[in-house]
Amino acid sequence: MSIEFLYEPDCSSTEVALARLRETCREEAHAGGIAMVEVTSDEQAAALRFPGSPTIRIDGRDIDTSGDGSERFALVCRAYRLPDGRITPFPPKELIRTALRDATRRRSVSLSAGR
């Protein structure tokens, strides 16, 4: 399983978001590494389809699947919506956990189909 943590260096949410990602990976027994991707220009943001900092992708999929597909890609801080509708600058642990479990499930199904 590949995990990418994309961030803009001046975003104040980076440290908390990365700590949540690492903690959730430990809780879910994911022992693999996290690829850190620093995004430093709007051109790089567009090339990486970077909707804002921080962005977490697991096996190439953004953990927040609620986007409508019309995201703008730029050097901005990102906001996440909590289940109760409030907005937070940090990815909720449950969103990370769900994405990790979904990726594990997809891999399991893929391995089973390959037998």
N, C-alpha and C. Protein backbone atom coordinates (compact mmCIF):
# COMPACT_ATOMS: atom_id res chain seq x y z
N MET A 1 0.86 -1.17 0.00
CA MET A 1 0.00 0.00 0.00
C MET A 1 0.90 1.23 0.00
N SER A 2 0.60 2.17 -0.88
CA SER A 2 1.39 3.41 -0.91
C SER A 2 0.59 4.54 -0.27
N ILE A 3 1.27 5.31 0.55
CA ILE A 3 0.65 6.46 1.19
C ILE A 3 1.49 7.69 0.86
N GLU A 4 0.80 8.72 0.34
CA GLU A 4 1.46 9.98 0.04
C GLU A 4 0.86 11.07 0.92
N PHE A 5 1.73 11.92 1.43
CA PHE A 5 1.32 13.09 2.21
C PHE A 5 1.83 14.30 1.45
N LEU A 6 0.92 15.00 0.78
CA LEU A 6 1.27 16.18 -0.01
C LEU A 6 0.98 17.42 0.81
N TYR A 7 1.94 18.34 0.83
CA TYR A 7 1.78 19.52 1.67
C TYR A 7 2.48 20.73 1.07
N GLU A 8 1.97 21.89 1.44
CA GLU A 8 2.59 23.16 1.10
C GLU A 8 3.37 23.58 2.33
N PRO A 9 4.66 23.93 2.20
CA PRO A 9 5.50 24.14 3.38
C PRO A 9 5.01 25.21 4.36
N ASP A 10 4.26 26.19 3.91
CA ASP A 10 3.81 27.25 4.81
C ASP A 10 2.44 26.98 5.44
N CYS A 11 1.84 25.85 5.13
CA CYS A 11 0.52 25.53 5.68
C CYS A 11 0.64 25.15 7.16
N SER A 12 -0.13 25.79 7.99
CA SER A 12 -0.04 25.55 9.44
C SER A 12 -0.68 24.23 9.88
N SER A 13 -1.37 23.55 8.98
CA SER A 13 -2.05 22.29 9.32
C SER A 13 -1.16 21.06 9.18
N THR A 14 0.02 21.24 8.61
CA THR A 14 0.86 20.11 8.24
C THR A 14 1.22 19.20 9.42
N GLU A 15 1.72 19.77 10.49
CA GLU A 15 2.21 18.94 11.60
C GLU A 15 1.10 18.11 12.25
N VAL A 16 -0.04 18.73 12.51
CA VAL A 16 -1.15 18.02 13.13
C VAL A 16 -1.66 16.93 12.20
N ALA A 17 -1.81 17.26 10.91
CA ALA A 17 -2.33 16.29 9.95
C ALA A 17 -1.38 15.10 9.81
N LEU A 18 -0.09 15.36 9.75
CA LEU A 18 0.88 14.27 9.63
C LEU A 18 0.87 13.41 10.89
N ALA A 19 0.76 14.02 12.05
CA ALA A 19 0.68 13.25 13.30
C ALA A 19 -0.56 12.36 13.31
N ARG A 20 -1.69 12.89 12.84
CA ARG A 20 -2.92 12.08 12.77
C ARG A 20 -2.75 10.91 11.81
N LEU A 21 -2.12 11.17 10.67
CA LEU A 21 -1.90 10.10 9.70
C LEU A 21 -1.01 9.02 10.30
N ARG A 22 0.08 9.40 10.91
CA ARG A 22 0.99 8.41 11.51
C ARG A 22 0.31 7.62 12.63
N GLU A 23 -0.44 8.31 13.47
CA GLU A 23 -1.14 7.64 14.58
C GLU A 23 -2.17 6.64 14.04
N THR A 24 -2.92 7.05 13.03
CA THR A 24 -3.94 6.16 12.47
C THR A 24 -3.29 4.97 11.78
N CYS A 25 -2.17 5.19 11.11
CA CYS A 25 -1.45 4.06 10.49
C CYS A 25 -1.00 3.06 11.55
N ARG A 26 -0.50 3.56 12.68
CA ARG A 26 -0.11 2.66 13.78
C ARG A 26 -1.32 1.89 14.30
N GLU A 27 -2.42 2.58 14.52
CA GLU A 27 -3.63 1.94 15.03
C GLU A 27 -4.16 0.88 14.08
N GLU A 28 -3.97 1.09 12.78
CA GLU A 28 -4.45 0.15 11.77
C GLU A 28 -3.38 -0.86 11.37
N ALA A 29 -2.26 -0.86 12.08
CA ALA A 29 -1.15 -1.80 11.86
C ALA A 29 -0.56 -1.69 10.45
N HIS A 30 -0.53 -0.49 9.92
CA HIS A 30 0.14 -0.28 8.63
C HIS A 30 1.59 0.06 8.93
N ALA A 31 2.48 -0.81 8.53
CA ALA A 31 3.90 -0.64 8.85
C ALA A 31 4.69 0.03 7.73
N GLY A 32 4.07 0.26 6.59
CA GLY A 32 4.77 0.87 5.47
C GLY A 32 5.08 2.33 5.71
N GLY A 33 5.87 2.89 4.82
CA GLY A 33 6.27 4.28 4.94
C GLY A 33 5.25 5.24 4.35
N ILE A 34 5.53 6.50 4.57
CA ILE A 34 4.72 7.58 4.05
C ILE A 34 5.62 8.43 3.16
N ALA A 35 5.24 8.58 1.90
CA ALA A 35 6.01 9.41 0.98
C ALA A 35 5.61 10.87 1.20
N MET A 36 6.57 11.69 1.55
CA MET A 36 6.33 13.11 1.77
C MET A 36 6.54 13.85 0.45
N VAL A 37 5.55 14.62 0.02
CA VAL A 37 5.64 15.36 -1.24
C VAL A 37 5.41 16.84 -0.94
N GLU A 38 6.48 17.62 -1.03
CA GLU A 38 6.38 19.05 -0.81
C GLU A 38 5.95 19.72 -2.12
N VAL A 39 4.91 20.51 -2.07
CA VAL A 39 4.38 21.19 -3.24
C VAL A 39 4.72 22.68 -3.09
N THR A 40 5.46 23.21 -4.06
CA THR A 40 6.00 24.56 -3.90
C THR A 40 5.60 25.56 -4.98
N SER A 41 4.81 25.14 -5.95
CA SER A 41 4.37 26.08 -7.00
C SER A 41 2.98 25.72 -7.48
N ASP A 42 2.30 26.70 -8.06
CA ASP A 42 0.97 26.43 -8.62
C ASP A 42 1.07 25.46 -9.79
N GLU A 43 2.16 25.52 -10.53
CA GLU A 43 2.37 24.60 -11.65
C GLU A 43 2.50 23.17 -11.15
N GLN A 44 3.26 22.98 -10.09
CA GLN A 44 3.41 21.65 -9.50
C GLN A 44 2.07 21.19 -8.92
N ALA A 45 1.34 22.11 -8.29
CA ALA A 45 0.03 21.77 -7.73
C ALA A 45 -0.91 21.27 -8.83
N ALA A 46 -0.90 21.94 -9.97
CA ALA A 46 -1.75 21.52 -11.09
C ALA A 46 -1.32 20.17 -11.62
N ALA A 47 -0.02 19.97 -11.77
CA ALA A 47 0.50 18.70 -12.30
C ALA A 47 0.17 17.53 -11.37
N LEU A 48 0.19 17.79 -10.07
CA LEU A 48 -0.10 16.74 -9.08
C LEU A 48 -1.59 16.64 -8.74
N ARG A 49 -2.40 17.52 -9.32
CA ARG A 49 -3.83 17.58 -9.00
C ARG A 49 -4.00 17.74 -7.48
N PHE A 50 -3.32 18.74 -6.98
CA PHE A 50 -3.21 19.03 -5.55
C PHE A 50 -4.28 20.06 -5.15
N PRO A 51 -5.34 19.61 -4.44
CA PRO A 51 -6.42 20.53 -4.09
C PRO A 51 -6.13 21.39 -2.87
N GLY A 52 -5.00 21.18 -2.22
CA GLY A 52 -4.64 21.97 -1.06
C GLY A 52 -3.90 21.15 -0.03
N SER A 53 -3.37 21.87 0.94
CA SER A 53 -2.51 21.26 1.95
C SER A 53 -3.26 21.18 3.28
N PRO A 54 -3.18 20.01 3.89
CA PRO A 54 -2.53 18.76 3.46
C PRO A 54 -3.48 17.89 2.63
N THR A 55 -2.91 17.11 1.75
CA THR A 55 -3.65 16.11 0.98
C THR A 55 -3.02 14.75 1.27
N ILE A 56 -3.85 13.77 1.54
CA ILE A 56 -3.38 12.41 1.78
C ILE A 56 -3.97 11.52 0.71
N ARG A 57 -3.10 10.75 0.06
CA ARG A 57 -3.55 9.78 -0.95
C ARG A 57 -3.05 8.40 -0.56
N ILE A 58 -3.94 7.44 -0.68
CA ILE A 58 -3.60 6.05 -0.40
C ILE A 58 -3.83 5.27 -1.68
N ASP A 59 -2.78 4.63 -2.16
CA ASP A 59 -2.81 3.94 -3.45
C ASP A 59 -3.34 4.88 -4.54
N GLY A 60 -2.93 6.13 -4.49
CA GLY A 60 -3.28 7.11 -5.50
C GLY A 60 -4.63 7.76 -5.36
N ARG A 61 -5.39 7.37 -4.33
CA ARG A 61 -6.74 7.91 -4.13
C ARG A 61 -6.76 8.88 -2.96
N ASP A 62 -7.35 10.04 -3.19
CA ASP A 62 -7.51 11.03 -2.13
C ASP A 62 -8.40 10.43 -1.04
N ILE A 63 -8.04 10.65 0.21
CA ILE A 63 -8.86 10.09 1.30
C ILE A 63 -10.23 10.76 1.37
N ASP A 64 -10.33 11.99 0.86
CA ASP A 64 -11.61 12.70 0.89
C ASP A 64 -12.27 12.57 -0.47
N THR A 65 -13.22 11.66 -0.56
CA THR A 65 -13.87 11.38 -1.84
C THR A 65 -15.11 12.24 -2.04
N SER A 66 -15.32 13.23 -1.17
CA SER A 66 -16.52 14.05 -1.27
C SER A 66 -16.42 15.17 -2.30
N GLY A 67 -15.24 15.34 -2.90
CA GLY A 67 -15.08 16.40 -3.90
C GLY A 67 -16.00 16.19 -5.09
N ASP A 68 -16.36 17.30 -5.73
CA ASP A 68 -17.27 17.21 -6.86
C ASP A 68 -16.55 17.11 -8.20
N GLY A 69 -15.22 16.98 -8.16
CA GLY A 69 -14.46 16.84 -9.39
C GLY A 69 -14.06 18.16 -10.03
N SER A 70 -14.49 19.27 -9.46
CA SER A 70 -14.16 20.56 -10.04
C SER A 70 -13.16 21.32 -9.18
N GLU A 71 -12.33 20.58 -8.46
CA GLU A 71 -11.36 21.22 -7.58
C GLU A 71 -10.42 22.11 -8.38
N ARG A 72 -10.01 23.15 -7.69
CA ARG A 72 -8.94 23.98 -8.22
C ARG A 72 -7.65 23.46 -7.60
N PHE A 73 -6.62 23.47 -8.38
CA PHE A 73 -5.34 22.96 -7.89
C PHE A 73 -4.39 24.14 -7.71
N ALA A 74 -4.00 24.39 -6.46
CA ALA A 74 -3.17 25.55 -6.16
C ALA A 74 -2.56 25.40 -4.77
N LEU A 75 -1.64 26.30 -4.46
CA LEU A 75 -1.01 26.34 -3.15
C LEU A 75 -1.93 27.04 -2.17
N VAL A 76 -2.80 26.27 -1.57
CA VAL A 76 -3.74 26.78 -0.58
C VAL A 76 -3.82 25.77 0.56
N CYS A 77 -4.29 26.24 1.70
CA CYS A 77 -4.57 25.31 2.78
C CYS A 77 -5.94 24.69 2.51
N ARG A 78 -6.06 23.43 2.82
CA ARG A 78 -7.26 22.65 2.53
C ARG A 78 -8.17 22.59 3.76
N ALA A 79 -9.45 22.46 3.51
CA ALA A 79 -10.42 22.28 4.60
C ALA A 79 -11.13 20.95 4.40
N TYR A 80 -11.48 20.33 5.50
CA TYR A 80 -12.21 19.06 5.50
C TYR A 80 -13.52 19.26 6.24
N ARG A 81 -14.56 18.56 5.81
CA ARG A 81 -15.86 18.66 6.46
C ARG A 81 -16.02 17.48 7.43
N LEU A 82 -16.39 17.80 8.66
CA LEU A 82 -16.66 16.79 9.67
C LEU A 82 -18.06 16.22 9.46
N PRO A 83 -18.35 15.05 10.02
CA PRO A 83 -19.69 14.45 9.86
C PRO A 83 -20.83 15.36 10.31
N ASP A 84 -20.57 16.24 11.27
CA ASP A 84 -21.63 17.13 11.76
C ASP A 84 -21.74 18.42 10.94
N GLY A 85 -20.94 18.51 9.86
CA GLY A 85 -21.03 19.66 8.96
C GLY A 85 -20.02 20.76 9.23
N ARG A 86 -19.36 20.71 10.39
CA ARG A 86 -18.35 21.72 10.68
C ARG A 86 -17.15 21.54 9.75
N ILE A 87 -16.36 22.60 9.59
CA ILE A 87 -15.17 22.59 8.75
C ILE A 87 -13.93 22.59 9.65
N THR A 88 -12.91 21.82 9.25
CA THR A 88 -11.66 21.75 9.99
C THR A 88 -10.49 21.77 9.00
N PRO A 89 -9.36 22.32 9.40
CA PRO A 89 -8.19 22.31 8.53
C PRO A 89 -7.41 20.99 8.57
N PHE A 90 -7.86 20.09 9.43
CA PHE A 90 -7.16 18.82 9.60
C PHE A 90 -8.01 17.66 9.08
N PRO A 91 -7.40 16.70 8.40
CA PRO A 91 -8.17 15.53 7.97
C PRO A 91 -8.62 14.73 9.20
N PRO A 92 -9.90 14.44 9.31
CA PRO A 92 -10.37 13.65 10.46
C PRO A 92 -9.77 12.24 10.46
N LYS A 93 -9.43 11.75 11.63
CA LYS A 93 -8.85 10.41 11.73
C LYS A 93 -9.76 9.35 11.12
N GLU A 94 -11.06 9.51 11.28
CA GLU A 94 -11.98 8.50 10.74
C GLU A 94 -11.92 8.46 9.21
N LEU A 95 -11.69 9.61 8.58
CA LEU A 95 -11.54 9.66 7.13
C LEU A 95 -10.27 8.90 6.71
N ILE A 96 -9.20 9.10 7.46
CA ILE A 96 -7.94 8.38 7.19
C ILE A 96 -8.14 6.89 7.41
N ARG A 97 -8.76 6.53 8.53
CA ARG A 97 -9.00 5.12 8.86
C ARG A 97 -9.83 4.42 7.78
N THR A 98 -10.90 5.07 7.35
CA THR A 98 -11.76 4.49 6.32
C THR A 98 -10.98 4.27 5.03
N ALA A 99 -10.15 5.24 4.64
CA ALA A 99 -9.36 5.11 3.41
C ALA A 99 -8.33 3.98 3.53
N LEU A 100 -7.71 3.83 4.68
CA LEU A 100 -6.76 2.73 4.89
C LEU A 100 -7.46 1.38 4.79
N ARG A 101 -8.60 1.28 5.43
CA ARG A 101 -9.34 0.00 5.40
C ARG A 101 -9.86 -0.31 4.00
N ASP A 102 -10.32 0.71 3.28
CA ASP A 102 -10.79 0.49 1.90
C ASP A 102 -9.64 0.01 1.01
N ALA A 103 -8.46 0.60 1.17
CA ALA A 103 -7.31 0.19 0.37
C ALA A 103 -6.91 -1.25 0.70
N THR A 104 -6.95 -1.61 1.98
CA THR A 104 -6.64 -2.98 2.39
C THR A 104 -7.65 -3.95 1.79
N ARG A 105 -8.92 -3.58 1.81
CA ARG A 105 -9.98 -4.42 1.24
C ARG A 105 -9.79 -4.58 -0.27
N ARG A 106 -9.48 -3.49 -0.97
CA ARG A 106 -9.26 -3.57 -2.43
C ARG A 106 -8.09 -4.49 -2.75
N ARG A 107 -7.04 -4.38 -1.97
CA ARG A 107 -5.87 -5.25 -2.19
C ARG A 107 -6.21 -6.71 -1.95
N SER A 108 -6.99 -6.97 -0.92
CA SER A 108 -7.39 -8.33 -0.60
C SER A 108 -8.24 -8.93 -1.73
N VAL A 109 -9.18 -8.14 -2.23
CA VAL A 109 -10.03 -8.60 -3.33
C VAL A 109 -9.19 -8.84 -4.57
N SER A 110 -8.25 -7.96 -4.84
CA SER A 110 -7.39 -8.08 -6.01
C SER A 110 -6.53 -9.33 -5.93
N LEU A 111 -5.99 -9.60 -4.75
CA LEU A 111 -5.17 -10.81 -4.56
C LEU A 111 -6.01 -12.06 -4.68
N SER A 112 -7.23 -12.03 -4.16
CA SER A 112 -8.12 -13.19 -4.26
C SER A 112 -8.50 -13.47 -5.70
N ALA A 113 -8.70 -12.42 -6.49
CA ALA A 113 -9.09 -12.58 -7.89
C ALA A 113 -7.93 -13.11 -8.73
N GLY A 114 -6.71 -12.90 -8.26
CA GLY A 114 -5.53 -13.32 -9.02
C GLY A 114 -5.14 -14.76 -8.78
N ARG A 115 -5.83 -15.45 -7.93
CA ARG A 115 -5.47 -16.85 -7.61
C ARG A 115 -5.92 -17.78 -8.68
